[in-house]
Amino acid sequence: SFEYDGLGDNYARFLLDELLPDVETRKTTDGRAIRLSKNGND
């Protein structure tokens, strides 16, 4: 509830500054690097 139900940009910052950068450190089982678009339209 703390993360989801409140207003403000905390959760957006968590995704953009912390979680998605962590995702991009990962690789698929066949070794492909994970690269995510930074464009909001994507």
PDB file of all heavy atoms in Angstrom:
ATOM      1  N   SER A   1       0.823  -1.202   0.000  1.00  0.00           N
ATOM      2  CA  SER A   1       0.000   0.000   0.000  1.00  0.00           C
ATOM      3  C   SER A   1       0.863   1.261   0.000  1.00  0.00           C
ATOM      4  O   SER A   1       0.545   2.237  -0.691  1.00  0.00           O
ATOM      5  CB  SER A   1      -0.941   0.010   1.205  1.00  0.00           C
ATOM      6  OG  SER A   1      -1.739   1.168   1.210  1.00  0.00           O
ATOM      7  N   PHE A   2       1.941   1.245   0.754  1.00  0.00           N
ATOM      8  CA  PHE A   2       2.820   2.415   0.802  1.00  0.00           C
ATOM      9  C   PHE A   2       3.382   2.736  -0.575  1.00  0.00           C
ATOM     10  O   PHE A   2       3.438   3.901  -0.987  1.00  0.00           O
ATOM     11  CB  PHE A   2       3.948   2.178   1.804  1.00  0.00           C
ATOM     12  CG  PHE A   2       4.951   3.299   1.858  1.00  0.00           C
ATOM     13  CD1 PHE A   2       4.606   4.512   2.412  1.00  0.00           C
ATOM     14  CD2 PHE A   2       6.223   3.138   1.349  1.00  0.00           C
ATOM     15  CE1 PHE A   2       5.517   5.557   2.453  1.00  0.00           C
ATOM     16  CE2 PHE A   2       7.147   4.171   1.390  1.00  0.00           C
ATOM     17  CZ  PHE A   2       6.787   5.386   1.952  1.00  0.00           C
ATOM     18  N   GLU A   3       3.817   1.718  -1.298  1.00  0.00           N
ATOM     19  CA  GLU A   3       4.413   1.947  -2.612  1.00  0.00           C
ATOM     20  C   GLU A   3       3.369   2.232  -3.682  1.00  0.00           C
ATOM     21  O   GLU A   3       3.615   3.029  -4.595  1.00  0.00           O
ATOM     22  CB  GLU A   3       5.251   0.731  -3.021  1.00  0.00           C
ATOM     23  CG  GLU A   3       6.471   0.501  -2.150  1.00  0.00           C
ATOM     24  CD  GLU A   3       7.260  -0.745  -2.550  1.00  0.00           C
ATOM     25  OE1 GLU A   3       6.960  -1.320  -3.619  1.00  0.00           O
ATOM     26  OE2 GLU A   3       8.154  -1.136  -1.791  1.00  0.00           O
ATOM     27  N   TYR A   4       2.210   1.575  -3.581  1.00  0.00           N
ATOM     28  CA  TYR A   4       1.253   1.601  -4.686  1.00  0.00           C
ATOM     29  C   TYR A   4       0.159   2.662  -4.547  1.00  0.00           C
ATOM     30  O   TYR A   4      -0.259   3.256  -5.544  1.00  0.00           O
ATOM     31  CB  TYR A   4       0.559   0.237  -4.807  1.00  0.00           C
ATOM     32  CG  TYR A   4       1.408  -0.893  -5.346  1.00  0.00           C
ATOM     33  CD1 TYR A   4       2.749  -0.724  -5.661  1.00  0.00           C
ATOM     34  CD2 TYR A   4       0.849  -2.155  -5.544  1.00  0.00           C
ATOM     35  CE1 TYR A   4       3.516  -1.773  -6.137  1.00  0.00           C
ATOM     36  CE2 TYR A   4       1.597  -3.217  -6.038  1.00  0.00           C
ATOM     37  CZ  TYR A   4       2.931  -3.027  -6.331  1.00  0.00           C
ATOM     38  OH  TYR A   4       3.677  -4.065  -6.809  1.00  0.00           O
ATOM     39  N   ASP A   5      -0.374   2.877  -3.341  1.00  0.00           N
ATOM     40  CA  ASP A   5      -1.605   3.647  -3.187  1.00  0.00           C
ATOM     41  C   ASP A   5      -1.402   5.148  -3.069  1.00  0.00           C
ATOM     42  O   ASP A   5      -2.357   5.909  -3.206  1.00  0.00           O
ATOM     43  CB  ASP A   5      -2.386   3.161  -1.957  1.00  0.00           C
ATOM     44  CG  ASP A   5      -2.997   1.793  -2.158  1.00  0.00           C
ATOM     45  OD1 ASP A   5      -3.490   1.530  -3.266  1.00  0.00           O
ATOM     46  OD2 ASP A   5      -2.978   0.984  -1.206  1.00  0.00           O
ATOM     47  N   GLY A   6      -0.190   5.585  -2.766  1.00  0.00           N
ATOM     48  CA  GLY A   6       0.036   7.008  -2.577  1.00  0.00           C
ATOM     49  C   GLY A   6       0.338   7.729  -3.874  1.00  0.00           C
ATOM     50  O   GLY A   6       0.698   7.128  -4.891  1.00  0.00           O
ATOM     51  N   LEU A   7       0.162   9.048  -3.848  1.00  0.00           N
ATOM     52  CA  LEU A   7       0.532   9.879  -4.984  1.00  0.00           C
ATOM     53  C   LEU A   7       2.012  10.251  -4.862  1.00  0.00           C
ATOM     54  O   LEU A   7       2.690   9.892  -3.908  1.00  0.00           O
ATOM     55  CB  LEU A   7      -0.344  11.121  -5.023  1.00  0.00           C
ATOM     56  CG  LEU A   7      -1.854  10.878  -4.998  1.00  0.00           C
ATOM     57  CD1 LEU A   7      -2.608  12.187  -5.180  1.00  0.00           C
ATOM     58  CD2 LEU A   7      -2.270   9.866  -6.046  1.00  0.00           C
ATOM     59  N   GLY A   8       2.508  10.978  -5.848  1.00  0.00           N
ATOM     60  CA  GLY A   8       3.911  11.377  -5.826  1.00  0.00           C
ATOM     61  C   GLY A   8       4.765  10.503  -6.729  1.00  0.00           C
ATOM     62  O   GLY A   8       4.300   9.524  -7.315  1.00  0.00           O
ATOM     63  N   ASP A   9       6.047  10.857  -6.840  1.00  0.00           N
ATOM     64  CA  ASP A   9       6.921  10.228  -7.830  1.00  0.00           C
ATOM     65  C   ASP A   9       7.857   9.173  -7.262  1.00  0.00           C
ATOM     66  O   ASP A   9       8.753   8.699  -7.960  1.00  0.00           O
ATOM     67  CB  ASP A   9       7.748  11.292  -8.550  1.00  0.00           C
ATOM     68  CG  ASP A   9       8.758  11.990  -7.642  1.00  0.00           C
ATOM     69  OD1 ASP A   9       8.687  11.804  -6.405  1.00  0.00           O
ATOM     70  OD2 ASP A   9       9.607  12.729  -8.169  1.00  0.00           O
ATOM     71  N   ASN A  10       7.668   8.773  -6.002  1.00  0.00           N
ATOM     72  CA  ASN A  10       8.599   7.814  -5.408  1.00  0.00           C
ATOM     73  C   ASN A  10       8.685   6.513  -6.196  1.00  0.00           C
ATOM     74  O   ASN A  10       9.783   6.001  -6.465  1.00  0.00           O
ATOM     75  CB  ASN A  10       8.201   7.507  -3.961  1.00  0.00           C
ATOM     76  CG  ASN A  10       8.655   8.578  -2.986  1.00  0.00           C
ATOM     77  OD1 ASN A  10       9.494   9.417  -3.319  1.00  0.00           O
ATOM     78  ND2 ASN A  10       8.095   8.575  -1.799  1.00  0.00           N
ATOM     79  N   TYR A  11       7.530   5.956  -6.538  1.00  0.00           N
ATOM     80  CA  TYR A  11       7.559   4.667  -7.219  1.00  0.00           C
ATOM     81  C   TYR A  11       8.120   4.808  -8.638  1.00  0.00           C
ATOM     82  O   TYR A  11       8.872   3.940  -9.105  1.00  0.00           O
ATOM     83  CB  TYR A  11       6.167   4.039  -7.263  1.00  0.00           C
ATOM     84  CG  TYR A  11       6.199   2.588  -7.678  1.00  0.00           C
ATOM     85  CD1 TYR A  11       6.567   1.588  -6.777  1.00  0.00           C
ATOM     86  CD2 TYR A  11       5.898   2.208  -8.983  1.00  0.00           C
ATOM     87  CE1 TYR A  11       6.623   0.263  -7.160  1.00  0.00           C
ATOM     88  CE2 TYR A  11       5.945   0.873  -9.375  1.00  0.00           C
ATOM     89  CZ  TYR A  11       6.308  -0.097  -8.463  1.00  0.00           C
ATOM     90  OH  TYR A  11       6.375  -1.413  -8.854  1.00  0.00           O
ATOM     91  N   ALA A  12       7.784   5.886  -9.317  1.00  0.00           N
ATOM     92  CA  ALA A  12       8.352   6.110 -10.647  1.00  0.00           C
ATOM     93  C   ALA A  12       9.868   6.214 -10.579  1.00  0.00           C
ATOM     94  O   ALA A  12      10.592   5.646 -11.407  1.00  0.00           O
ATOM     95  CB  ALA A  12       7.757   7.375 -11.268  1.00  0.00           C
ATOM     96  N   ARG A  13      10.362   6.917  -9.571  1.00  0.00           N
ATOM     97  CA  ARG A  13      11.817   7.028  -9.418  1.00  0.00           C
ATOM     98  C   ARG A  13      12.437   5.680  -9.086  1.00  0.00           C
ATOM     99  O   ARG A  13      13.544   5.354  -9.553  1.00  0.00           O
ATOM    100  CB  ARG A  13      12.160   8.049  -8.334  1.00  0.00           C
ATOM    101  CG  ARG A  13      11.833   9.475  -8.710  1.00  0.00           C
ATOM    102  CD  ARG A  13      12.405  10.494  -7.728  1.00  0.00           C
ATOM    103  NE  ARG A  13      11.908  10.332  -6.381  1.00  0.00           N
ATOM    104  CZ  ARG A  13      12.626   9.898  -5.352  1.00  0.00           C
ATOM    105  NH1 ARG A  13      13.901   9.553  -5.518  1.00  0.00           N
ATOM    106  NH2 ARG A  13      12.086   9.791  -4.144  1.00  0.00           N
ATOM    107  N   PHE A  14      11.740   4.890  -8.274  1.00  0.00           N
ATOM    108  CA  PHE A  14      12.228   3.550  -7.969  1.00  0.00           C
ATOM    109  C   PHE A  14      12.392   2.731  -9.251  1.00  0.00           C
ATOM    110  O   PHE A  14      13.427   2.071  -9.461  1.00  0.00           O
ATOM    111  CB  PHE A  14      11.263   2.852  -7.012  1.00  0.00           C
ATOM    112  CG  PHE A  14      11.415   1.354  -6.974  1.00  0.00           C
ATOM    113  CD1 PHE A  14      12.516   0.773  -6.359  1.00  0.00           C
ATOM    114  CD2 PHE A  14      10.467   0.529  -7.565  1.00  0.00           C
ATOM    115  CE1 PHE A  14      12.672  -0.617  -6.341  1.00  0.00           C
ATOM    116  CE2 PHE A  14      10.608  -0.841  -7.553  1.00  0.00           C
ATOM    117  CZ  PHE A  14      11.708  -1.428  -6.939  1.00  0.00           C
ATOM    118  N   LEU A  15      11.403   2.771 -10.118  1.00  0.00           N
ATOM    119  CA  LEU A  15      11.500   2.020 -11.369  1.00  0.00           C
ATOM    120  C   LEU A  15      12.627   2.542 -12.252  1.00  0.00           C
ATOM    121  O   LEU A  15      13.445   1.767 -12.760  1.00  0.00           O
ATOM    122  CB  LEU A  15      10.179   2.095 -12.126  1.00  0.00           C
ATOM    123  CG  LEU A  15       8.970   1.384 -11.511  1.00  0.00           C
ATOM    124  CD1 LEU A  15       7.727   1.647 -12.354  1.00  0.00           C
ATOM    125  CD2 LEU A  15       9.205  -0.117 -11.377  1.00  0.00           C
ATOM    126  N   LEU A  16      12.653   3.858 -12.440  1.00  0.00           N
ATOM    127  CA  LEU A  16      13.566   4.447 -13.413  1.00  0.00           C
ATOM    128  C   LEU A  16      15.011   4.488 -12.926  1.00  0.00           C
ATOM    129  O   LEU A  16      15.938   4.284 -13.714  1.00  0.00           O
ATOM    130  CB  LEU A  16      13.098   5.859 -13.764  1.00  0.00           C
ATOM    131  CG  LEU A  16      11.718   5.947 -14.431  1.00  0.00           C
ATOM    132  CD1 LEU A  16      11.270   7.390 -14.537  1.00  0.00           C
ATOM    133  CD2 LEU A  16      11.753   5.283 -15.806  1.00  0.00           C
ATOM    134  N   ASP A  17      15.192   4.751 -11.646  1.00  0.00           N
ATOM    135  CA  ASP A  17      16.556   4.939 -11.130  1.00  0.00           C
ATOM    136  C   ASP A  17      17.150   3.683 -10.513  1.00  0.00           C
ATOM    137  O   ASP A  17      18.373   3.601 -10.353  1.00  0.00           O
ATOM    138  CB  ASP A  17      16.570   6.054 -10.081  1.00  0.00           C
ATOM    139  CG  ASP A  17      16.136   7.395 -10.645  1.00  0.00           C
ATOM    140  OD1 ASP A  17      16.160   7.554 -11.873  1.00  0.00           O
ATOM    141  OD2 ASP A  17      15.749   8.270  -9.843  1.00  0.00           O
ATOM    142  N   GLU A  18      16.304   2.712 -10.163  1.00  0.00           N
ATOM    143  CA  GLU A  18      16.815   1.548  -9.443  1.00  0.00           C
ATOM    144  C   GLU A  18      16.486   0.222 -10.135  1.00  0.00           C
ATOM    145  O   GLU A  18      17.392  -0.546 -10.465  1.00  0.00           O
ATOM    146  CB  GLU A  18      16.268   1.552  -8.014  1.00  0.00           C
ATOM    147  CG  GLU A  18      16.729   2.757  -7.212  1.00  0.00           C
ATOM    148  CD  GLU A  18      16.284   2.728  -5.754  1.00  0.00           C
ATOM    149  OE1 GLU A  18      15.328   1.992  -5.420  1.00  0.00           O
ATOM    150  OE2 GLU A  18      16.903   3.435  -4.939  1.00  0.00           O
ATOM    151  N   LEU A  19      15.203  -0.071 -10.343  1.00  0.00           N
ATOM    152  CA  LEU A  19      14.859  -1.399 -10.830  1.00  0.00           C
ATOM    153  C   LEU A  19      15.249  -1.615 -12.285  1.00  0.00           C
ATOM    154  O   LEU A  19      15.891  -2.632 -12.614  1.00  0.00           O
ATOM    155  CB  LEU A  19      13.359  -1.670 -10.646  1.00  0.00           C
ATOM    156  CG  LEU A  19      12.988  -3.115 -10.982  1.00  0.00           C
ATOM    157  CD1 LEU A  19      13.508  -4.070  -9.910  1.00  0.00           C
ATOM    158  CD2 LEU A  19      11.486  -3.281 -11.159  1.00  0.00           C
ATOM    159  N   LEU A  20      14.866  -0.698 -13.182  1.00  0.00           N
ATOM    160  CA  LEU A  20      15.181  -0.916 -14.599  1.00  0.00           C
ATOM    161  C   LEU A  20      16.689  -0.947 -14.862  1.00  0.00           C
ATOM    162  O   LEU A  20      17.152  -1.765 -15.676  1.00  0.00           O
ATOM    163  CB  LEU A  20      14.485   0.134 -15.460  1.00  0.00           C
ATOM    164  CG  LEU A  20      12.953   0.045 -15.479  1.00  0.00           C
ATOM    165  CD1 LEU A  20      12.369   1.076 -16.433  1.00  0.00           C
ATOM    166  CD2 LEU A  20      12.478  -1.359 -15.856  1.00  0.00           C
ATOM    167  N   PRO A  21      17.486  -0.112 -14.203  1.00  0.00           N
ATOM    168  CA  PRO A  21      18.933  -0.293 -14.356  1.00  0.00           C
ATOM    169  C   PRO A  21      19.402  -1.672 -13.892  1.00  0.00           C
ATOM    170  O   PRO A  21      20.335  -2.244 -14.482  1.00  0.00           O
ATOM    171  CB  PRO A  21      19.522   0.826 -13.487  1.00  0.00           C
ATOM    172  CG  PRO A  21      18.489   1.902 -13.521  1.00  0.00           C
ATOM    173  CD  PRO A  21      17.183   1.160 -13.510  1.00  0.00           C
ATOM    174  N   ASP A  22      18.768  -2.224 -12.851  1.00  0.00           N
ATOM    175  CA  ASP A  22      19.121  -3.576 -12.416  1.00  0.00           C
ATOM    176  C   ASP A  22      18.747  -4.601 -13.476  1.00  0.00           C
ATOM    177  O   ASP A  22      19.505  -5.550 -13.732  1.00  0.00           O
ATOM    178  CB  ASP A  22      18.415  -3.905 -11.099  1.00  0.00           C
ATOM    179  CG  ASP A  22      18.926  -5.195 -10.477  1.00  0.00           C
ATOM    180  OD1 ASP A  22      20.054  -5.186  -9.947  1.00  0.00           O
ATOM    181  OD2 ASP A  22      18.204  -6.221 -10.539  1.00  0.00           O
ATOM    182  N   VAL A  23      17.588  -4.412 -14.104  1.00  0.00           N
ATOM    183  CA  VAL A  23      17.171  -5.326 -15.181  1.00  0.00           C
ATOM    184  C   VAL A  23      18.225  -5.343 -16.290  1.00  0.00           C
ATOM    185  O   VAL A  23      18.555  -6.404 -16.841  1.00  0.00           O
ATOM    186  CB  VAL A  23      15.801  -4.902 -15.740  1.00  0.00           C
ATOM    187  CG1 VAL A  23      15.449  -5.716 -16.983  1.00  0.00           C
ATOM    188  CG2 VAL A  23      14.714  -5.060 -14.679  1.00  0.00           C
ATOM    189  N   GLU A  24      18.784  -4.182 -16.590  1.00  0.00           N
ATOM    190  CA  GLU A  24      19.733  -4.096 -17.705  1.00  0.00           C
ATOM    191  C   GLU A  24      21.102  -4.685 -17.358  1.00  0.00           C
ATOM    192  O   GLU A  24      21.970  -4.749 -18.237  1.00  0.00           O
ATOM    193  CB  GLU A  24      19.859  -2.646 -18.163  1.00  0.00           C
ATOM    194  CG  GLU A  24      18.612  -2.146 -18.876  1.00  0.00           C
ATOM    195  CD  GLU A  24      18.851  -0.864 -19.651  1.00  0.00           C
ATOM    196  OE1 GLU A  24      19.181   0.163 -19.004  1.00  0.00           O
ATOM    197  OE2 GLU A  24      18.722  -0.888 -20.880  1.00  0.00           O
ATOM    198  N   THR A  25      21.297  -5.101 -16.129  1.00  0.00           N
ATOM    199  CA  THR A  25      22.527  -5.820 -15.799  1.00  0.00           C
ATOM    200  C   THR A  25      22.384  -7.324 -16.059  1.00  0.00           C
ATOM    201  O   THR A  25      23.364  -8.057 -15.955  1.00  0.00           O
ATOM    202  CB  THR A  25      22.917  -5.612 -14.324  1.00  0.00           C
ATOM    203  OG1 THR A  25      21.935  -6.238 -13.479  1.00  0.00           O
ATOM    204  CG2 THR A  25      23.021  -4.139 -13.981  1.00  0.00           C
ATOM    205  N   ARG A  26      21.171  -7.764 -16.385  1.00  0.00           N
ATOM    206  CA  ARG A  26      20.901  -9.192 -16.547  1.00  0.00           C
ATOM    207  C   ARG A  26      21.087  -9.622 -17.996  1.00  0.00           C
ATOM    208  O   ARG A  26      21.113  -8.804 -18.917  1.00  0.00           O
ATOM    209  CB  ARG A  26      19.475  -9.499 -16.099  1.00  0.00           C
ATOM    210  CG  ARG A  26      19.068  -8.911 -14.758  1.00  0.00           C
ATOM    211  CD  ARG A  26      19.862  -9.484 -13.593  1.00  0.00           C
ATOM    212  NE  ARG A  26      19.362  -8.993 -12.312  1.00  0.00           N
ATOM    213  CZ  ARG A  26      19.765  -9.466 -11.145  1.00  0.00           C
ATOM    214  NH1 ARG A  26      20.683 -10.420 -11.076  1.00  0.00           N
ATOM    215  NH2 ARG A  26      19.257  -8.964 -10.021  1.00  0.00           N
ATOM    216  N   LYS A  27      21.142 -10.946 -18.162  1.00  0.00           N
ATOM    217  CA  LYS A  27      21.229 -11.536 -19.486  1.00  0.00           C
ATOM    218  C   LYS A  27      20.269 -12.707 -19.590  1.00  0.00           C
ATOM    219  O   LYS A  27      19.888 -13.324 -18.585  1.00  0.00           O
ATOM    220  CB  LYS A  27      22.654 -12.013 -19.791  1.00  0.00           C
ATOM    221  CG  LYS A  27      23.676 -10.893 -19.922  1.00  0.00           C
ATOM    222  CD  LYS A  27      25.040 -11.440 -20.337  1.00  0.00           C
ATOM    223  CE  LYS A  27      26.031 -10.293 -20.528  1.00  0.00           C
ATOM    224  NZ  LYS A  27      27.371 -10.806 -20.967  1.00  0.00           N
ATOM    225  N   THR A  28      19.859 -13.012 -20.805  1.00  0.00           N
ATOM    226  CA  THR A  28      19.036 -14.188 -21.043  1.00  0.00           C
ATOM    227  C   THR A  28      19.889 -15.437 -20.892  1.00  0.00           C
ATOM    228  O   THR A  28      21.131 -15.371 -20.810  1.00  0.00           O
ATOM    229  CB  THR A  28      18.433 -14.140 -22.459  1.00  0.00           C
ATOM    230  OG1 THR A  28      19.508 -14.155 -23.415  1.00  0.00           O
ATOM    231  CG2 THR A  28      17.604 -12.879 -22.658  1.00  0.00           C
ATOM    232  N   THR A  29      19.253 -16.597 -20.872  1.00  0.00           N
ATOM    233  CA  THR A  29      20.021 -17.836 -20.707  1.00  0.00           C
ATOM    234  C   THR A  29      20.937 -18.111 -21.887  1.00  0.00           C
ATOM    235  O   THR A  29      21.916 -18.854 -21.754  1.00  0.00           O
ATOM    236  CB  THR A  29      19.063 -19.022 -20.509  1.00  0.00           C
ATOM    237  OG1 THR A  29      18.124 -19.065 -21.585  1.00  0.00           O
ATOM    238  CG2 THR A  29      18.321 -18.906 -19.188  1.00  0.00           C
ATOM    239  N   ASP A  30      20.643 -17.538 -23.067  1.00  0.00           N
ATOM    240  CA  ASP A  30      21.538 -17.714 -24.209  1.00  0.00           C
ATOM    241  C   ASP A  30      22.550 -16.571 -24.329  1.00  0.00           C
ATOM    242  O   ASP A  30      23.220 -16.430 -25.357  1.00  0.00           O
ATOM    243  CB  ASP A  30      20.745 -17.881 -25.509  1.00  0.00           C
ATOM    244  CG  ASP A  30      19.881 -16.670 -25.835  1.00  0.00           C
ATOM    245  OD1 ASP A  30      19.968 -15.650 -25.124  1.00  0.00           O
ATOM    246  OD2 ASP A  30      19.096 -16.748 -26.809  1.00  0.00           O
ATOM    247  N   GLY A  31      22.630 -15.716 -23.287  1.00  0.00           N
ATOM    248  CA  GLY A  31      23.688 -14.708 -23.220  1.00  0.00           C
ATOM    249  C   GLY A  31      23.354 -13.353 -23.808  1.00  0.00           C
ATOM    250  O   GLY A  31      24.233 -12.479 -23.853  1.00  0.00           O
ATOM    251  N   ARG A  32      22.125 -13.135 -24.222  1.00  0.00           N
ATOM    252  CA  ARG A  32      21.780 -11.832 -24.780  1.00  0.00           C
ATOM    253  C   ARG A  32      21.677 -10.783 -23.665  1.00  0.00           C
ATOM    254  O   ARG A  32      20.993 -11.002 -22.665  1.00  0.00           O
ATOM    255  CB  ARG A  32      20.440 -11.891 -25.525  1.00  0.00           C
ATOM    256  CG  ARG A  32      20.495 -12.599 -26.878  1.00  0.00           C
ATOM    257  CD  ARG A  32      19.091 -12.715 -27.474  1.00  0.00           C
ATOM    258  NE  ARG A  32      18.256 -13.643 -26.693  1.00  0.00           N
ATOM    259  CZ  ARG A  32      16.944 -13.739 -26.814  1.00  0.00           C
ATOM    260  NH1 ARG A  32      16.288 -12.955 -27.666  1.00  0.00           N
ATOM    261  NH2 ARG A  32      16.274 -14.611 -26.084  1.00  0.00           N
ATOM    262  N   ALA A  33      22.356  -9.660 -23.844  1.00  0.00           N
ATOM    263  CA  ALA A  33      22.236  -8.556 -22.892  1.00  0.00           C
ATOM    264  C   ALA A  33      20.849  -7.933 -23.022  1.00  0.00           C
ATOM    265  O   ALA A  33      20.290  -7.853 -24.116  1.00  0.00           O
ATOM    266  CB  ALA A  33      23.311  -7.510 -23.162  1.00  0.00           C
ATOM    267  N   ILE A  34      20.286  -7.523 -21.897  1.00  0.00           N
ATOM    268  CA  ILE A  34      18.958  -6.909 -21.905  1.00  0.00           C
ATOM    269  C   ILE A  34      19.121  -5.398 -22.001  1.00  0.00           C
ATOM    270  O   ILE A  34      19.712  -4.760 -21.131  1.00  0.00           O
ATOM    271  CB  ILE A  34      18.171  -7.299 -20.647  1.00  0.00           C
ATOM    272  CG1 ILE A  34      17.895  -8.797 -20.656  1.00  0.00           C
ATOM    273  CG2 ILE A  34      16.862  -6.502 -20.547  1.00  0.00           C
ATOM    274  CD1 ILE A  34      17.184  -9.310 -19.428  1.00  0.00           C
ATOM    275  N   ARG A  35      18.571  -4.836 -23.068  1.00  0.00           N
ATOM    276  CA  ARG A  35      18.633  -3.390 -23.303  1.00  0.00           C
ATOM    277  C   ARG A  35      17.210  -2.865 -23.452  1.00  0.00           C
ATOM    278  O   ARG A  35      16.440  -3.365 -24.287  1.00  0.00           O
ATOM    279  CB  ARG A  35      19.468  -3.059 -24.532  1.00  0.00           C
ATOM    280  CG  ARG A  35      20.933  -3.491 -24.429  1.00  0.00           C
ATOM    281  CD  ARG A  35      21.692  -3.098 -25.687  1.00  0.00           C
ATOM    282  NE  ARG A  35      21.680  -1.661 -25.891  1.00  0.00           N
ATOM    283  CZ  ARG A  35      21.661  -1.072 -27.104  1.00  0.00           C
ATOM    284  NH1 ARG A  35      21.631  -1.815 -28.184  1.00  0.00           N
ATOM    285  NH2 ARG A  35      21.653   0.245 -27.205  1.00  0.00           N
ATOM    286  N   LEU A  36      16.875  -1.864 -22.675  1.00  0.00           N
ATOM    287  CA  LEU A  36      15.522  -1.314 -22.636  1.00  0.00           C
ATOM    288  C   LEU A  36      15.503   0.097 -23.211  1.00  0.00           C
ATOM    289  O   LEU A  36      16.382   0.912 -22.927  1.00  0.00           O
ATOM    290  CB  LEU A  36      15.014  -1.270 -21.193  1.00  0.00           C
ATOM    291  CG  LEU A  36      15.104  -2.569 -20.390  1.00  0.00           C
ATOM    292  CD1 LEU A  36      14.661  -2.326 -18.950  1.00  0.00           C
ATOM    293  CD2 LEU A  36      14.269  -3.664 -21.040  1.00  0.00           C
ATOM    294  N   SER A  37      14.473   0.397 -23.985  1.00  0.00           N
ATOM    295  CA  SER A  37      14.331   1.744 -24.525  1.00  0.00           C
ATOM    296  C   SER A  37      14.106   2.739 -23.388  1.00  0.00           C
ATOM    297  O   SER A  37      13.397   2.462 -22.420  1.00  0.00           O
ATOM    298  CB  SER A  37      13.156   1.803 -25.497  1.00  0.00           C
ATOM    299  OG  SER A  37      12.907   3.139 -25.902  1.00  0.00           O
ATOM    300  N   LYS A  38      14.708   3.909 -23.516  1.00  0.00           N
ATOM    301  CA  LYS A  38      14.518   4.990 -22.543  1.00  0.00           C
ATOM    302  C   LYS A  38      13.447   5.975 -22.997  1.00  0.00           C
ATOM    303  O   LYS A  38      13.135   6.935 -22.286  1.00  0.00           O
ATOM    304  CB  LYS A  38      15.842   5.744 -22.331  1.00  0.00           C
ATOM    305  CG  LYS A  38      17.031   4.870 -21.964  1.00  0.00           C
ATOM    306  CD  LYS A  38      16.831   4.150 -20.638  1.00  0.00           C
ATOM    307  CE  LYS A  38      18.092   3.453 -20.164  1.00  0.00           C
ATOM    308  NZ  LYS A  38      18.552   2.368 -21.030  1.00  0.00           N
ATOM    309  N   ASN A  39      12.872   5.737 -24.149  1.00  0.00           N
ATOM    310  CA  ASN A  39      11.853   6.626 -24.717  1.00  0.00           C
ATOM    311  C   ASN A  39      10.498   6.322 -24.084  1.00  0.00           C
ATOM    312  O   ASN A  39      10.030   5.188 -24.130  1.00  0.00           O
ATOM    313  CB  ASN A  39      11.802   6.425 -26.233  1.00  0.00           C
ATOM    314  CG  ASN A  39      10.886   7.414 -26.931  1.00  0.00           C
ATOM    315  OD1 ASN A  39       9.956   7.957 -26.335  1.00  0.00           O
ATOM    316  ND2 ASN A  39      11.160   7.655 -28.201  1.00  0.00           N
ATOM    317  N   GLY A  40       9.864   7.326 -23.499  1.00  0.00           N
ATOM    318  CA  GLY A  40       8.572   7.109 -22.869  1.00  0.00           C
ATOM    319  C   GLY A  40       7.519   6.585 -23.814  1.00  0.00           C
ATOM    320  O   GLY A  40       6.583   5.876 -23.391  1.00  0.00           O
ATOM    321  N   ASN A  41       7.624   6.905 -25.094  1.00  0.00           N
ATOM    322  CA  ASN A  41       6.660   6.398 -26.075  1.00  0.00           C
ATOM    323  C   ASN A  41       6.796   4.895 -26.280  1.00  0.00           C
ATOM    324  O   ASN A  41       5.882   4.247 -26.799  1.00  0.00           O
ATOM    325  CB  ASN A  41       6.850   7.118 -27.412  1.00  0.00           C
ATOM    326  CG  ASN A  41       5.732   6.842 -28.384  1.00  0.00           C
ATOM    327  OD1 ASN A  41       4.564   7.032 -28.074  1.00  0.00           O
ATOM    328  ND2 ASN A  41       6.088   6.368 -29.574  1.00  0.00           N
ATOM    329  N   ASP A  42       7.911   4.335 -25.868  1.00  0.00           N
ATOM    330  CA  ASP A  42       8.155   2.896 -25.996  1.00  0.00           C
ATOM    331  C   ASP A  42       7.861   2.144 -24.708  1.00  0.00           C
ATOM    332  O   ASP A  42       8.202   0.968 -24.586  1.00  0.00           O
ATOM    333  CB  ASP A  42       9.622   2.639 -26.376  1.00  0.00           C
ATOM    334  CG  ASP A  42       9.987   3.230 -27.730  1.00  0.00           C
ATOM    335  OD1 ASP A  42       9.080   3.518 -28.511  1.00  0.00           O
ATOM    336  OD2 ASP A  42      11.201   3.411 -27.971  1.00  0.00           O
TER     337      ASP A  42
END
